[in-house]
Amino acid sequence: MRYLAVRYLALLFAAWMLTGVAGAAPGDADTCRMPGDSDRRIAACTRLNDDNRLSAAMRALVLSSRGLAREQKGDVKGAMADYDEAIRLDPRSANARLFRSSLFGNAANYDRAIEDLSEAIRIDPGVALLHTRRGQSYYAKNNYERAIADFTESLRLSPDNIDAMWGRGQANTYAGYAGRAIADYTEAIRIEPHAPRGYIARALVHQSQGDHDLAIADFNEFLRLNRASSSGFYARGNSYREKGDLDRAIADYSEAIRLDPRFSFAYHDRGVAYRMKGDREHAISDFREAVRLNPDIAGPSRAALESLGAGEPKTESKAEPGAPKRGVLDLLK
C-alpha cells in the first residue's frame, strides 16, 4: 500500500494538466487522477481517453492513471495494456515506464523492469524513486554492485529515503561489505527508530562478525518491538550459545519453539546447546524432532544423532507441511 501511495503521488505531479479538459463529465479529471474507487476511476479515465481533443501526452496520463486503477482491481493484463499504450503515445512518459516496470518486477521479469527504469532515468534522472526501484531490481537479480550504485544515487538525491537506505544495507550485507551494511542499518534505525527490521538486520551482521554482545543488544531491541518473533529468539539464542551462555541459549530456543512448534532449526540448535551441556537425552530428543519435522534438510541433525550413538525417528521422506526451510538471513529478504 505504501508503494501504491508513492506511485499515485508520482502521477499527480504531472496529472494536474488534466483538470482543464473539456467535453468530459464534470469531475472526470479529478476522479481519474485521484486514488479512490477503482470502478469509478476506470469509467472516468475511459471517458477522458475517448475525447479526441486530448493531446497524445494527456491521453498517456489518462491511460497511466487507468492502469493504476486496473492494477488496484487485480487486472494486471489490462493495466499492462494501458501502460503499453501510454508509452506508445508518449515515449517520454517516465511515469508510465515506472508503473510498467512494477508489473514486470512482480512477474520476476527483472530485465524488462530494468529496461523501463533505465529509460525513465534517462528521461528524468533527478527522481530518487527511479533509482531506488532499479536498485531493487538489480538486487533481485543478485547484482549487488549495481544495486548499491543505484541506492547510493537515490540517497544522494533524497538522503532520508528509507527504502534506498534499507536496500543498500541489504545489498551490502549480501555483497559481504559488513562495515558498510552496519552503517546503513544504523542510518535506517535513525530514520525509523521504532521499526524492528533495522535492529535484527544489524544484529545479524554483528553476529556474522563474531560481535555477539553487540548482536545481543540489537536482538534485545528487536524483541522489545516484536515479542512474537520466533526467528528473533532463535537468532539471539545462537549468539548466547556462541558466548557459552547455554542456559540463556536454551531458553531462547525454547521460546522460539513455543512460538513456532515446527521450527526445526530451533530444535536442532537447542539440541546442540544441550549436547554442549552434557545433557545427552535432551539433545537426542531435539535432534530427532528436527529430523521428523524437516527430513529433507536434516543432515546436521542426523550426523549429531550418529555421533551420539542414537538412531533417527521413523519418518516419511517428505517434510511436515509448514515446516520452515529458512535461514535467519532470509529475514532480510
Protein backbone atom coordinates (compact mmCIF):
# COMPACT_ATOMS: atom_id res chain seq x y z
CA MET A 1 0.00 0.00 0.00
CA ARG A 2 2.84 2.38 0.76
CA TYR A 3 4.30 1.79 -2.69
CA LEU A 4 0.94 2.42 -4.36
CA ALA A 5 0.69 5.72 -2.48
CA VAL A 6 4.11 6.74 -3.78
CA ARG A 7 3.08 5.78 -7.30
CA TYR A 8 -0.11 7.81 -7.09
CA LEU A 9 1.90 10.77 -5.86
CA ALA A 10 4.33 10.46 -8.77
CA LEU A 11 1.42 10.57 -11.18
CA LEU A 12 -0.20 13.58 -9.54
CA PHE A 13 2.85 15.74 -10.12
CA ALA A 14 2.09 15.62 -13.83
CA ALA A 15 -1.64 14.91 -13.97
CA TRP A 16 -2.72 18.40 -12.93
CA MET A 17 -2.84 19.18 -16.67
CA LEU A 18 -6.00 17.10 -16.96
CA THR A 19 -8.10 19.47 -14.89
CA GLY A 20 -8.84 21.73 -17.83
CA VAL A 21 -10.12 19.03 -20.17
CA ALA A 22 -13.36 19.91 -21.92
CA GLY A 23 -16.03 17.51 -23.18
CA ALA A 24 -15.83 15.01 -20.31
CA ALA A 25 -18.29 14.66 -17.48
CA PRO A 26 -17.85 17.20 -14.66
CA GLY A 27 -15.18 15.99 -12.25
CA ASP A 28 -13.87 13.23 -14.51
CA ALA A 29 -10.35 14.63 -14.49
CA ASP A 30 -10.16 14.62 -10.70
CA THR A 31 -11.85 11.20 -10.42
CA CYS A 32 -9.46 9.74 -12.98
CA ARG A 33 -6.26 11.01 -11.42
CA MET A 34 -7.01 10.66 -7.69
CA PRO A 35 -6.92 7.48 -5.58
CA GLY A 36 -10.38 6.16 -4.84
CA ASP A 37 -12.99 3.70 -6.07
CA SER A 38 -11.38 1.74 -8.89
CA ASP A 39 -14.52 1.29 -10.99
CA ARG A 40 -15.34 4.99 -10.86
CA ARG A 41 -11.77 5.87 -11.77
CA ILE A 42 -11.70 3.48 -14.70
CA ALA A 43 -15.00 4.84 -16.02
CA ALA A 44 -13.83 8.45 -15.69
CA CYS A 45 -10.48 7.74 -17.32
CA THR A 46 -12.19 5.88 -20.16
CA ARG A 47 -14.47 8.85 -20.89
CA LEU A 48 -11.44 11.14 -20.92
CA ASN A 49 -9.49 8.79 -23.17
CA ASP A 50 -12.38 8.75 -25.65
CA ASP A 51 -12.21 12.54 -26.02
CA ASN A 52 -10.45 13.01 -29.36
CA ARG A 53 -9.46 16.55 -28.41
CA LEU A 54 -6.88 15.33 -25.91
CA SER A 55 -3.25 15.54 -26.93
CA ALA A 56 -1.21 12.35 -27.05
CA ALA A 57 0.67 13.33 -23.90
CA MET A 58 -2.55 13.96 -21.97
CA ARG A 59 -4.03 10.66 -23.15
CA ALA A 60 -0.88 8.96 -21.90
CA LEU A 61 -1.50 10.46 -18.45
CA VAL A 62 -5.13 9.28 -18.54
CA LEU A 63 -4.08 5.76 -19.53
CA SER A 64 -1.41 5.66 -16.83
CA SER A 65 -3.99 6.57 -14.22
CA ARG A 66 -6.44 4.00 -15.58
CA GLY A 67 -3.67 1.41 -15.47
CA LEU A 68 -3.16 2.12 -11.77
CA ALA A 69 -6.88 1.69 -11.13
CA ARG A 70 -6.88 -1.59 -13.05
CA GLU A 71 -3.90 -2.79 -11.02
CA GLN A 72 -5.83 -1.99 -7.85
CA LYS A 73 -8.61 -4.27 -9.11
CA GLY A 74 -6.13 -7.04 -9.88
CA ASP A 75 -6.45 -6.62 -13.67
CA VAL A 76 -2.75 -6.95 -14.46
CA LYS A 77 -3.32 -7.64 -18.17
CA GLY A 78 -5.50 -4.54 -18.55
CA ALA A 79 -3.02 -2.41 -16.62
CA MET A 80 -0.14 -3.59 -18.80
CA ALA A 81 -2.14 -2.75 -21.94
CA ASP A 82 -2.78 0.77 -20.64
CA TYR A 83 0.89 1.34 -19.79
CA ASP A 84 1.97 -0.02 -23.17
CA GLU A 85 -0.39 2.36 -24.96
CA ALA A 86 0.65 5.28 -22.75
CA ILE A 87 4.29 4.71 -23.68
CA ARG A 88 3.40 4.38 -27.36
CA LEU A 89 1.57 7.72 -27.22
CA ASP A 90 4.26 9.45 -25.15
CA PRO A 91 7.62 7.65 -25.23
CA ARG A 92 8.99 10.20 -22.75
CA SER A 93 6.48 9.26 -20.05
CA ALA A 94 8.73 8.31 -17.13
CA ASN A 95 5.64 7.63 -15.00
CA ALA A 96 4.23 5.03 -17.38
CA ARG A 97 7.62 3.30 -17.54
CA LEU A 98 7.84 3.31 -13.74
CA PHE A 99 4.38 1.77 -13.44
CA ARG A 100 5.05 -0.85 -16.13
CA SER A 101 8.36 -1.76 -14.52
CA SER A 102 6.46 -2.64 -11.36
CA LEU A 103 4.37 -5.19 -13.26
CA PHE A 104 7.50 -6.69 -14.79
CA GLY A 105 9.10 -6.87 -11.35
CA ASN A 106 6.06 -8.54 -9.83
CA ALA A 107 6.35 -11.17 -12.58
CA ALA A 108 10.07 -11.62 -11.77
CA ASN A 109 10.95 -10.24 -15.21
CA TYR A 110 13.68 -8.05 -13.77
CA ASP A 111 15.49 -7.46 -17.05
CA ARG A 112 12.40 -5.82 -18.55
CA ALA A 113 11.87 -3.86 -15.35
CA ILE A 114 15.45 -2.59 -15.53
CA GLU A 115 14.99 -1.61 -19.19
CA ASP A 116 11.96 0.51 -18.33
CA LEU A 117 13.58 2.09 -15.31
CA SER A 118 16.79 2.84 -17.19
CA GLU A 119 14.80 4.67 -19.87
CA ALA A 120 12.82 6.51 -17.19
CA ILE A 121 16.09 7.58 -15.56
CA ARG A 122 17.42 8.77 -18.91
CA ILE A 123 14.27 10.88 -19.29
CA ASP A 124 14.23 12.18 -15.71
CA PRO A 125 17.50 11.42 -13.90
CA GLY A 126 16.71 13.52 -10.84
CA VAL A 127 13.93 11.30 -9.45
CA ALA A 128 15.21 9.28 -6.48
CA LEU A 129 12.35 6.78 -6.71
CA LEU A 130 13.50 5.61 -10.16
CA HIS A 131 16.99 4.81 -8.88
CA THR A 132 15.54 3.03 -5.84
CA ARG A 133 13.28 0.83 -7.96
CA ARG A 134 16.08 -0.05 -10.37
CA GLY A 135 18.32 -0.85 -7.41
CA GLN A 136 15.66 -3.20 -6.09
CA SER A 137 15.51 -4.94 -9.47
CA TYR A 138 19.27 -5.36 -9.57
CA TYR A 139 19.15 -6.68 -6.00
CA ALA A 140 16.52 -9.23 -7.00
CA LYS A 141 18.94 -10.41 -9.74
CA ASN A 142 21.73 -10.72 -7.11
CA ASN A 143 23.65 -7.95 -8.90
CA TYR A 144 24.63 -6.28 -5.67
CA GLU A 145 27.23 -3.86 -7.00
CA ARG A 146 24.79 -2.24 -9.42
CA ALA A 147 22.10 -2.26 -6.75
CA ILE A 148 24.45 -0.44 -4.37
CA ALA A 149 25.26 2.14 -7.05
CA ASP A 150 21.57 2.87 -7.66
CA PHE A 151 20.68 3.05 -3.99
CA THR A 152 23.63 5.39 -3.44
CA GLU A 153 22.42 7.72 -6.19
CA SER A 154 18.91 7.63 -4.76
CA LEU A 155 20.31 8.62 -1.36
CA ARG A 156 22.29 11.45 -2.92
CA LEU A 157 19.04 12.80 -4.32
CA SER A 158 16.98 12.03 -1.20
CA PRO A 159 19.21 11.44 1.86
CA ASP A 160 16.49 10.14 4.21
CA ASN A 161 14.98 7.74 1.68
CA ILE A 162 14.37 4.72 3.91
CA ASP A 163 13.71 2.33 1.02
CA ALA A 164 17.05 3.16 -0.56
CA MET A 165 18.89 3.04 2.77
CA TRP A 166 17.38 -0.32 3.63
CA GLY A 167 18.00 -1.64 0.13
CA ARG A 168 21.65 -0.61 0.20
CA GLY A 169 22.06 -2.22 3.62
CA GLN A 170 20.70 -5.48 2.24
CA ALA A 171 22.89 -5.30 -0.86
CA ASN A 172 25.97 -4.53 1.24
CA THR A 173 25.12 -7.47 3.51
CA TYR A 174 24.91 -9.98 0.68
CA ALA A 175 27.92 -8.48 -1.11
CA GLY A 176 29.98 -9.11 2.03
CA TYR A 177 30.55 -5.47 3.00
CA ALA A 178 29.80 -5.89 6.69
CA GLY A 179 31.03 -2.48 7.83
CA ARG A 180 29.02 -0.67 5.16
CA ALA A 181 25.94 -2.75 5.95
CA ILE A 182 26.18 -1.88 9.66
CA ALA A 183 26.49 1.81 8.76
CA ASP A 184 23.42 1.61 6.52
CA TYR A 185 21.31 -0.21 9.08
CA THR A 186 22.38 2.33 11.71
CA GLU A 187 21.10 5.09 9.44
CA ALA A 188 17.91 3.11 8.80
CA ILE A 189 17.36 2.91 12.56
CA ARG A 190 17.88 6.67 12.82
CA ILE A 191 15.26 7.26 10.12
CA GLU A 192 12.72 4.77 11.52
CA PRO A 193 13.72 4.10 15.17
CA HIS A 194 10.56 2.16 16.01
CA ALA A 195 10.80 -0.29 13.09
CA PRO A 196 12.11 -3.72 14.19
CA ARG A 197 13.80 -4.63 10.90
CA GLY A 198 16.81 -2.37 11.29
CA TYR A 199 17.76 -3.87 14.64
CA ILE A 200 17.62 -7.50 13.56
CA ALA A 201 19.42 -6.74 10.30
CA ARG A 202 22.26 -5.01 12.15
CA ALA A 203 22.27 -7.75 14.80
CA LEU A 204 22.73 -10.46 12.17
CA VAL A 205 25.69 -8.64 10.65
CA HIS A 206 27.28 -8.17 14.09
CA GLN A 207 26.66 -11.86 14.73
CA SER A 208 28.30 -12.85 11.45
CA GLN A 209 31.39 -10.90 12.54
CA GLY A 210 31.51 -12.61 15.94
CA ASP A 211 30.47 -9.44 17.79
CA HIS A 212 27.90 -11.22 19.93
CA ASP A 213 27.50 -8.60 22.64
CA LEU A 214 26.55 -6.01 20.02
CA ALA A 215 24.34 -8.56 18.32
CA ILE A 216 22.51 -9.40 21.55
CA ALA A 217 21.93 -5.71 22.28
CA ASP A 218 20.26 -5.32 18.89
CA PHE A 219 18.29 -8.57 19.25
CA ASN A 220 17.04 -7.29 22.61
CA GLU A 221 15.69 -4.13 20.99
CA PHE A 222 14.21 -6.09 18.11
CA LEU A 223 12.39 -8.40 20.51
CA ARG A 224 11.19 -5.48 22.60
CA LEU A 225 9.48 -4.22 19.45
CA ASN A 226 8.42 -7.64 18.19
CA ARG A 227 7.86 -10.12 21.00
CA ALA A 228 6.19 -12.67 18.74
CA SER A 229 9.21 -13.29 16.50
CA SER A 230 10.34 -16.90 16.73
CA SER A 231 13.27 -16.09 14.44
CA GLY A 232 14.39 -13.27 16.73
CA PHE A 233 14.57 -15.57 19.77
CA TYR A 234 16.29 -18.24 17.68
CA ALA A 235 18.91 -15.81 16.40
CA ARG A 236 19.60 -14.38 19.86
CA GLY A 237 19.92 -17.93 21.15
CA ASN A 238 22.68 -18.53 18.62
CA SER A 239 24.67 -15.59 19.97
CA TYR A 240 24.18 -16.69 23.58
CA ARG A 241 25.37 -20.19 22.61
CA GLU A 242 28.45 -18.78 20.87
CA LYS A 243 29.24 -16.84 24.06
CA GLY A 244 28.91 -20.04 26.10
CA ASP A 245 25.77 -18.86 27.92
CA LEU A 246 23.99 -22.15 27.31
CA ASP A 247 21.09 -21.68 29.71
CA ARG A 248 20.04 -18.44 28.04
CA ALA A 249 20.53 -20.01 24.64
CA ILE A 250 18.26 -22.92 25.56
CA ALA A 251 15.67 -20.50 26.96
CA ASP A 252 15.64 -18.56 23.69
CA TYR A 253 15.40 -21.69 21.53
CA SER A 254 12.56 -22.92 23.74
CA GLU A 255 10.68 -19.65 23.29
CA ALA A 256 11.21 -19.85 19.53
CA ILE A 257 9.74 -23.37 19.57
CA ARG A 258 6.81 -22.24 21.72
CA LEU A 259 6.03 -19.53 19.16
CA ASP A 260 6.61 -21.85 16.19
CA PRO A 261 6.36 -25.54 17.11
CA ARG A 262 7.50 -26.61 13.62
CA PHE A 263 10.73 -24.58 13.75
CA SER A 264 13.16 -27.42 13.01
CA PHE A 265 16.29 -25.26 13.16
CA ALA A 266 15.43 -24.23 16.71
CA TYR A 267 15.14 -27.88 17.73
CA HIS A 268 18.49 -28.68 16.14
CA ASP A 269 20.32 -25.78 17.76
CA ARG A 270 18.72 -26.40 21.14
CA GLY A 271 19.97 -29.96 20.76
CA VAL A 272 23.46 -28.59 20.13
CA ALA A 273 23.24 -26.48 23.30
CA TYR A 274 22.04 -29.48 25.33
CA ARG A 275 24.89 -31.59 23.95
CA MET A 276 27.36 -28.85 24.92
CA LYS A 277 25.93 -29.00 28.46
CA GLY A 278 26.35 -32.79 28.53
CA ASP A 279 22.59 -33.42 28.53
CA ARG A 280 22.57 -36.33 26.09
CA GLU A 281 18.92 -37.33 26.41
CA HIS A 282 17.53 -33.86 25.75
CA ALA A 283 19.97 -33.43 22.87
CA ILE A 284 18.85 -36.69 21.24
CA SER A 285 15.20 -35.76 21.66
CA ASP A 286 15.72 -32.40 19.94
CA PHE A 287 17.79 -33.80 17.08
CA ARG A 288 15.14 -36.45 16.45
CA GLU A 289 12.41 -33.83 16.39
CA ALA A 290 14.40 -31.74 13.92
CA VAL A 291 14.69 -34.77 11.63
CA ARG A 292 11.00 -35.57 11.96
CA LEU A 293 9.92 -32.02 11.12
CA ASN A 294 12.24 -31.46 8.19
CA PRO A 295 13.87 -34.67 6.97
CA ASP A 296 14.90 -33.22 3.62
CA ILE A 297 17.42 -30.80 5.19
CA ALA A 298 18.21 -32.62 8.43
CA GLY A 299 21.73 -33.76 7.57
CA PRO A 300 23.36 -31.99 10.55
CA SER A 301 20.76 -33.45 12.94
CA ARG A 302 21.31 -36.96 11.57
CA ALA A 303 25.07 -36.53 11.94
CA ALA A 304 24.57 -35.36 15.52
CA LEU A 305 22.43 -38.40 16.32
CA GLU A 306 25.04 -40.71 14.82
CA SER A 307 27.77 -39.07 16.90
CA LEU A 308 25.65 -39.69 20.00
CA GLY A 309 25.08 -43.32 19.04
CA ALA A 310 21.36 -42.78 18.60
CA GLY A 311 19.03 -43.55 15.73
CA GLU A 312 16.69 -41.16 14.00
CA PRO A 313 12.90 -41.30 14.24
CA LYS A 314 10.75 -43.16 11.74
CA THR A 315 9.64 -40.60 9.22
CA GLU A 316 8.42 -40.22 5.69
CA SER A 317 10.80 -38.71 3.17
CA LYS A 318 8.65 -35.63 2.86
CA ALA A 319 8.89 -32.70 5.27
CA GLU A 320 5.93 -32.00 7.53
CA PRO A 321 3.62 -29.41 5.92
CA GLY A 322 4.54 -25.94 7.07
CA ALA A 323 7.98 -26.91 8.32
CA PRO A 324 10.29 -23.94 7.81
CA LYS A 325 13.09 -24.15 5.29
CA ARG A 326 14.67 -20.85 6.11
CA GLY A 327 17.89 -19.38 7.27
CA VAL A 328 17.90 -16.38 9.56
CA LEU A 329 19.41 -14.17 6.86
CA ASP A 330 16.19 -14.71 4.89
CA LEU A 331 14.65 -12.23 7.33
CA LEU A 332 16.48 -9.55 5.35
CA LYS A 333 14.93 -10.52 2.04
